[in-house]
Amino acid sequence: MSFRRRQVREKVLQALYAYELSREPIESIIENIVSSLKKEPEVFDLAQRLLLKVIENREELDTLIKGRVANWEFNRLAVIDKIVLRICICELLYFEDIPPKVSINEAIEIARRFSTEKSDKFVNGVLDSVFDDLKATGRMKKSGRGLLDTSSKKKTSK
């Protein structure tokens, strides 16, 4: 599913970009952009869940991003970078079965491919910081083998 997940993330990026710029109803954006994934129901379902989860939690995601870009005006960040960051942080917080390293590496690759020359480094820096914070505060819920560093997960004696 890893190749398909890249397709899902790219479709979600396109859909969120269209939504950000047009403010059309999300249902019509899903129909116009994401519906090409319907041939594979589980792929389409993942895309739709991710897309709606990002929109539903946009304020929280933006707050986490703003906390890492204090020296930048948030509204001056590249739109694609903001969307890539939202998608990845949403995966970190709400998609228990996706390993954090996979989410972060995918975000960096997508930023490299679709955004500015320095976006990959910017996205990497922001996501590393957000990831460390989510791990330290216990906000990331991951289940399954290899999804979080097991040494920190097992040492929860207080």
C-alpha atoms as a PDB file:
ATOM      1  CA  MET A   1       0.000   0.000   0.000  1.00  0.00           C
ATOM      2  CA  SER A   2       3.022   2.337   0.322  1.00  0.00           C
ATOM      3  CA  PHE A   3       2.978   3.386  -3.342  1.00  0.00           C
ATOM      4  CA  ARG A   4      -0.766   3.911  -3.112  1.00  0.00           C
ATOM      5  CA  ARG A   5      -0.326   5.956   0.056  1.00  0.00           C
ATOM      6  CA  ARG A   6       1.905   8.332  -1.888  1.00  0.00           C
ATOM      7  CA  GLN A   7      -0.905   8.673  -4.456  1.00  0.00           C
ATOM      8  CA  VAL A   8      -3.363   9.238  -1.628  1.00  0.00           C
ATOM      9  CA  ARG A   9      -1.207  11.967  -0.094  1.00  0.00           C
ATOM     10  CA  GLU A  10      -0.749  13.673  -3.463  1.00  0.00           C
ATOM     11  CA  LYS A  11      -4.501  13.579  -4.155  1.00  0.00           C
ATOM     12  CA  VAL A  12      -5.231  14.903  -0.670  1.00  0.00           C
ATOM     13  CA  LEU A  13      -2.684  17.688  -1.263  1.00  0.00           C
ATOM     14  CA  GLN A  14      -4.411  18.592  -4.545  1.00  0.00           C
ATOM     15  CA  ALA A  15      -7.841  18.506  -2.936  1.00  0.00           C
ATOM     16  CA  LEU A  16      -6.794  20.610   0.060  1.00  0.00           C
ATOM     17  CA  TYR A  17      -5.087  23.093  -2.253  1.00  0.00           C
ATOM     18  CA  ALA A  18      -8.284  23.402  -4.317  1.00  0.00           C
ATOM     19  CA  TYR A  19     -10.322  23.757  -1.121  1.00  0.00           C
ATOM     20  CA  GLU A  20      -7.959  26.398   0.272  1.00  0.00           C
ATOM     21  CA  LEU A  21      -8.156  28.507  -2.871  1.00  0.00           C
ATOM     22  CA  SER A  22     -11.755  27.981  -3.975  1.00  0.00           C
ATOM     23  CA  ARG A  23     -13.645  27.318  -0.718  1.00  0.00           C
ATOM     24  CA  GLU A  24     -15.999  25.161  -2.764  1.00  0.00           C
ATOM     25  CA  PRO A  25     -17.913  22.509  -0.800  1.00  0.00           C
ATOM     26  CA  ILE A  26     -15.555  19.697   0.105  1.00  0.00           C
ATOM     27  CA  GLU A  27     -17.957  17.133  -1.380  1.00  0.00           C
ATOM     28  CA  SER A  28     -17.562  18.649  -4.838  1.00  0.00           C
ATOM     29  CA  ILE A  29     -13.778  18.789  -4.458  1.00  0.00           C
ATOM     30  CA  ILE A  30     -13.742  15.119  -3.432  1.00  0.00           C
ATOM     31  CA  GLU A  31     -15.866  14.298  -6.471  1.00  0.00           C
ATOM     32  CA  ASN A  32     -13.640  16.302  -8.843  1.00  0.00           C
ATOM     33  CA  ILE A  33     -10.210  15.381  -7.499  1.00  0.00           C
ATOM     34  CA  VAL A  34     -10.290  12.309  -5.268  1.00  0.00           C
ATOM     35  CA  SER A  35     -12.953  10.228  -7.028  1.00  0.00           C
ATOM     36  CA  SER A  36     -10.341   8.797  -9.416  1.00  0.00           C
ATOM     37  CA  LEU A  37      -9.242   6.624  -6.467  1.00  0.00           C
ATOM     38  CA  LYS A  38     -12.688   4.989  -6.149  1.00  0.00           C
ATOM     39  CA  LYS A  39     -11.504   1.995  -8.200  1.00  0.00           C
ATOM     40  CA  GLU A  40      -9.794   0.864  -5.008  1.00  0.00           C
ATOM     41  CA  PRO A  41     -12.251   1.412  -2.158  1.00  0.00           C
ATOM     42  CA  GLU A  42      -9.690   1.174   0.677  1.00  0.00           C
ATOM     43  CA  VAL A  43      -7.421   3.702  -1.056  1.00  0.00           C
ATOM     44  CA  PHE A  44     -10.336   6.076  -1.673  1.00  0.00           C
ATOM     45  CA  ASP A  45     -11.469   5.643   1.934  1.00  0.00           C
ATOM     46  CA  LEU A  46      -8.007   6.526   3.263  1.00  0.00           C
ATOM     47  CA  ALA A  47      -7.855   9.628   1.047  1.00  0.00           C
ATOM     48  CA  GLN A  48     -11.290  10.771   2.137  1.00  0.00           C
ATOM     49  CA  ARG A  49     -10.597  10.131   5.843  1.00  0.00           C
ATOM     50  CA  LEU A  50      -7.278  11.989   5.679  1.00  0.00           C
ATOM     51  CA  LEU A  51      -8.760  14.907   3.773  1.00  0.00           C
ATOM     52  CA  LEU A  52     -11.709  15.341   6.127  1.00  0.00           C
ATOM     53  CA  LYS A  53      -9.547  14.861   9.232  1.00  0.00           C
ATOM     54  CA  VAL A  54      -7.182  17.634   8.095  1.00  0.00           C
ATOM     55  CA  ILE A  55     -10.110  19.996   7.511  1.00  0.00           C
ATOM     56  CA  GLU A  56     -11.794  19.040  10.783  1.00  0.00           C
ATOM     57  CA  ASN A  57      -8.593  19.646  12.801  1.00  0.00           C
ATOM     58  CA  ARG A  58      -7.137  22.507  10.790  1.00  0.00           C
ATOM     59  CA  GLU A  59      -7.070  24.933  13.708  1.00  0.00           C
ATOM     60  CA  GLU A  60      -5.166  22.497  15.946  1.00  0.00           C
ATOM     61  CA  LEU A  61      -2.766  21.585  13.130  1.00  0.00           C
ATOM     62  CA  ASP A  62      -2.096  25.241  12.342  1.00  0.00           C
ATOM     63  CA  THR A  63      -1.470  25.968  16.030  1.00  0.00           C
ATOM     64  CA  LEU A  64       1.192  23.235  16.102  1.00  0.00           C
ATOM     65  CA  ILE A  65       2.784  24.655  12.930  1.00  0.00           C
ATOM     66  CA  LYS A  66       2.677  28.248  14.213  1.00  0.00           C
ATOM     67  CA  GLY A  67       4.484  27.130  17.366  1.00  0.00           C
ATOM     68  CA  ARG A  68       7.443  26.052  15.202  1.00  0.00           C
ATOM     69  CA  VAL A  69       7.599  29.014  12.829  1.00  0.00           C
ATOM     70  CA  ALA A  70       7.667  31.883  15.307  1.00  0.00           C
ATOM     71  CA  ASN A  71      10.005  33.933  13.124  1.00  0.00           C
ATOM     72  CA  TRP A  72       7.702  33.667  10.096  1.00  0.00           C
ATOM     73  CA  GLU A  73       4.322  35.162   9.412  1.00  0.00           C
ATOM     74  CA  PHE A  74       2.072  32.135   9.094  1.00  0.00           C
ATOM     75  CA  ASN A  75       0.044  33.588   6.236  1.00  0.00           C
ATOM     76  CA  ARG A  76       3.258  34.155   4.265  1.00  0.00           C
ATOM     77  CA  LEU A  77       4.282  30.501   4.320  1.00  0.00           C
ATOM     78  CA  ALA A  78       3.960  28.738   0.973  1.00  0.00           C
ATOM     79  CA  VAL A  79       0.430  27.321   0.714  1.00  0.00           C
ATOM     80  CA  ILE A  80       1.747  23.922  -0.396  1.00  0.00           C
ATOM     81  CA  ASP A  81       4.129  23.800   2.583  1.00  0.00           C
ATOM     82  CA  LYS A  82       1.287  24.533   5.007  1.00  0.00           C
ATOM     83  CA  ILE A  83      -0.873  21.830   3.466  1.00  0.00           C
ATOM     84  CA  VAL A  84       1.944  19.258   3.461  1.00  0.00           C
ATOM     85  CA  LEU A  85       2.617  20.040   7.128  1.00  0.00           C
ATOM     86  CA  ARG A  86      -1.089  19.741   7.997  1.00  0.00           C
ATOM     87  CA  ILE A  87      -1.348  16.363   6.254  1.00  0.00           C
ATOM     88  CA  CYS A  88       1.714  14.947   7.997  1.00  0.00           C
ATOM     89  CA  ILE A  89       0.847  16.241  11.465  1.00  0.00           C
ATOM     90  CA  CYS A  90      -2.674  14.895  10.998  1.00  0.00           C
ATOM     91  CA  GLU A  91      -1.192  11.471  10.207  1.00  0.00           C
ATOM     92  CA  LEU A  92       1.048  11.692  13.271  1.00  0.00           C
ATOM     93  CA  LEU A  93      -1.907  12.502  15.523  1.00  0.00           C
ATOM     94  CA  TYR A  94      -4.832  10.558  14.082  1.00  0.00           C
ATOM     95  CA  PHE A  95      -3.612   7.642  11.971  1.00  0.00           C
ATOM     96  CA  GLU A  96      -2.323   5.077  14.433  1.00  0.00           C
ATOM     97  CA  ASP A  97      -1.212   2.564  11.813  1.00  0.00           C
ATOM     98  CA  ILE A  98       1.134   4.860   9.852  1.00  0.00           C
ATOM     99  CA  PRO A  99       4.703   4.968  11.192  1.00  0.00           C
ATOM    100  CA  PRO A 100       5.835   8.530  11.989  1.00  0.00           C
ATOM    101  CA  LYS A 101       9.034   8.181   9.960  1.00  0.00           C
ATOM    102  CA  VAL A 102       7.007   7.190   6.900  1.00  0.00           C
ATOM    103  CA  SER A 103       4.693  10.194   7.300  1.00  0.00           C
ATOM    104  CA  ILE A 104       7.620  12.585   7.718  1.00  0.00           C
ATOM    105  CA  ASN A 105       9.672  11.137   4.837  1.00  0.00           C
ATOM    106  CA  GLU A 106       6.640  11.258   2.533  1.00  0.00           C
ATOM    107  CA  ALA A 107       5.944  14.872   3.495  1.00  0.00           C
ATOM    108  CA  ILE A 108       9.540  15.843   2.709  1.00  0.00           C
ATOM    109  CA  GLU A 109       9.385  14.088  -0.682  1.00  0.00           C
ATOM    110  CA  ILE A 110       6.065  15.693  -1.583  1.00  0.00           C
ATOM    111  CA  ALA A 111       7.329  19.145  -0.545  1.00  0.00           C
ATOM    112  CA  ARG A 112      10.453  18.568  -2.655  1.00  0.00           C
ATOM    113  CA  ARG A 113       8.321  17.604  -5.642  1.00  0.00           C
ATOM    114  CA  PHE A 114       5.504  20.148  -5.447  1.00  0.00           C
ATOM    115  CA  SER A 115       6.775  23.210  -3.585  1.00  0.00           C
ATOM    116  CA  THR A 116       9.749  25.556  -3.518  1.00  0.00           C
ATOM    117  CA  GLU A 117      13.448  24.765  -3.712  1.00  0.00           C
ATOM    118  CA  LYS A 118      13.934  24.974   0.069  1.00  0.00           C
ATOM    119  CA  SER A 119      10.579  23.510   1.108  1.00  0.00           C
ATOM    120  CA  ASP A 120      11.904  20.034   1.829  1.00  0.00           C
ATOM    121  CA  LYS A 121      14.359  21.370   4.438  1.00  0.00           C
ATOM    122  CA  PHE A 122      11.741  23.702   5.925  1.00  0.00           C
ATOM    123  CA  VAL A 123       9.131  20.917   6.161  1.00  0.00           C
ATOM    124  CA  ASN A 124      11.711  18.543   7.648  1.00  0.00           C
ATOM    125  CA  GLY A 125      12.699  21.039  10.350  1.00  0.00           C
ATOM    126  CA  VAL A 126       9.125  21.849  11.336  1.00  0.00           C
ATOM    127  CA  LEU A 127       8.049  18.199  11.374  1.00  0.00           C
ATOM    128  CA  ASP A 128      11.065  17.042  13.410  1.00  0.00           C
ATOM    129  CA  SER A 129      10.210  19.643  16.028  1.00  0.00           C
ATOM    130  CA  VAL A 130       6.482  18.800  16.057  1.00  0.00           C
ATOM    131  CA  PHE A 131       7.270  15.068  16.204  1.00  0.00           C
ATOM    132  CA  ASP A 132       9.613  15.492  19.179  1.00  0.00           C
ATOM    133  CA  ASP A 133       6.995  17.575  20.994  1.00  0.00           C
ATOM    134  CA  LEU A 134       4.149  15.110  20.306  1.00  0.00           C
ATOM    135  CA  LYS A 135       6.335  12.240  21.490  1.00  0.00           C
ATOM    136  CA  ALA A 136       7.443  14.089  24.632  1.00  0.00           C
ATOM    137  CA  THR A 137       3.887  15.057  25.571  1.00  0.00           C
ATOM    138  CA  GLY A 138       2.458  11.606  24.792  1.00  0.00           C
ATOM    139  CA  ARG A 139      -0.037  12.996  22.284  1.00  0.00           C
ATOM    140  CA  MET A 140       0.888  10.554  19.538  1.00  0.00           C
ATOM    141  CA  LYS A 141      -0.975   7.266  19.700  1.00  0.00           C
ATOM    142  CA  LYS A 142       0.620   4.632  17.508  1.00  0.00           C
ATOM    143  CA  SER A 143      -0.055   0.914  17.579  1.00  0.00           C
ATOM    144  CA  GLY A 144       1.716  -1.968  15.906  1.00  0.00           C
ATOM    145  CA  ARG A 145       5.315  -2.992  15.429  1.00  0.00           C
ATOM    146  CA  GLY A 146       7.855  -0.331  14.561  1.00  0.00           C
ATOM    147  CA  LEU A 147       5.436   2.566  14.903  1.00  0.00           C
ATOM    148  CA  LEU A 148       7.106   4.308  17.807  1.00  0.00           C
ATOM    149  CA  ASP A 149      10.409   3.873  19.503  1.00  0.00           C
ATOM    150  CA  THR A 150       9.582   0.952  21.790  1.00  0.00           C
ATOM    151  CA  SER A 151      12.164   1.898  24.381  1.00  0.00           C
ATOM    152  CA  SER A 152      10.267   5.100  25.220  1.00  0.00           C
ATOM    153  CA  LYS A 153       6.911   3.350  25.015  1.00  0.00           C
ATOM    154  CA  LYS A 154       7.719   0.583  27.501  1.00  0.00           C
ATOM    155  CA  LYS A 155       9.425   2.788  30.081  1.00  0.00           C
ATOM    156  CA  THR A 156       6.287   4.393  31.421  1.00  0.00           C
ATOM    157  CA  SER A 157       6.927   3.730  35.083  1.00  0.00           C
ATOM    158  CA  LYS A 158       6.225   6.829  37.134  1.00  0.00           C
END
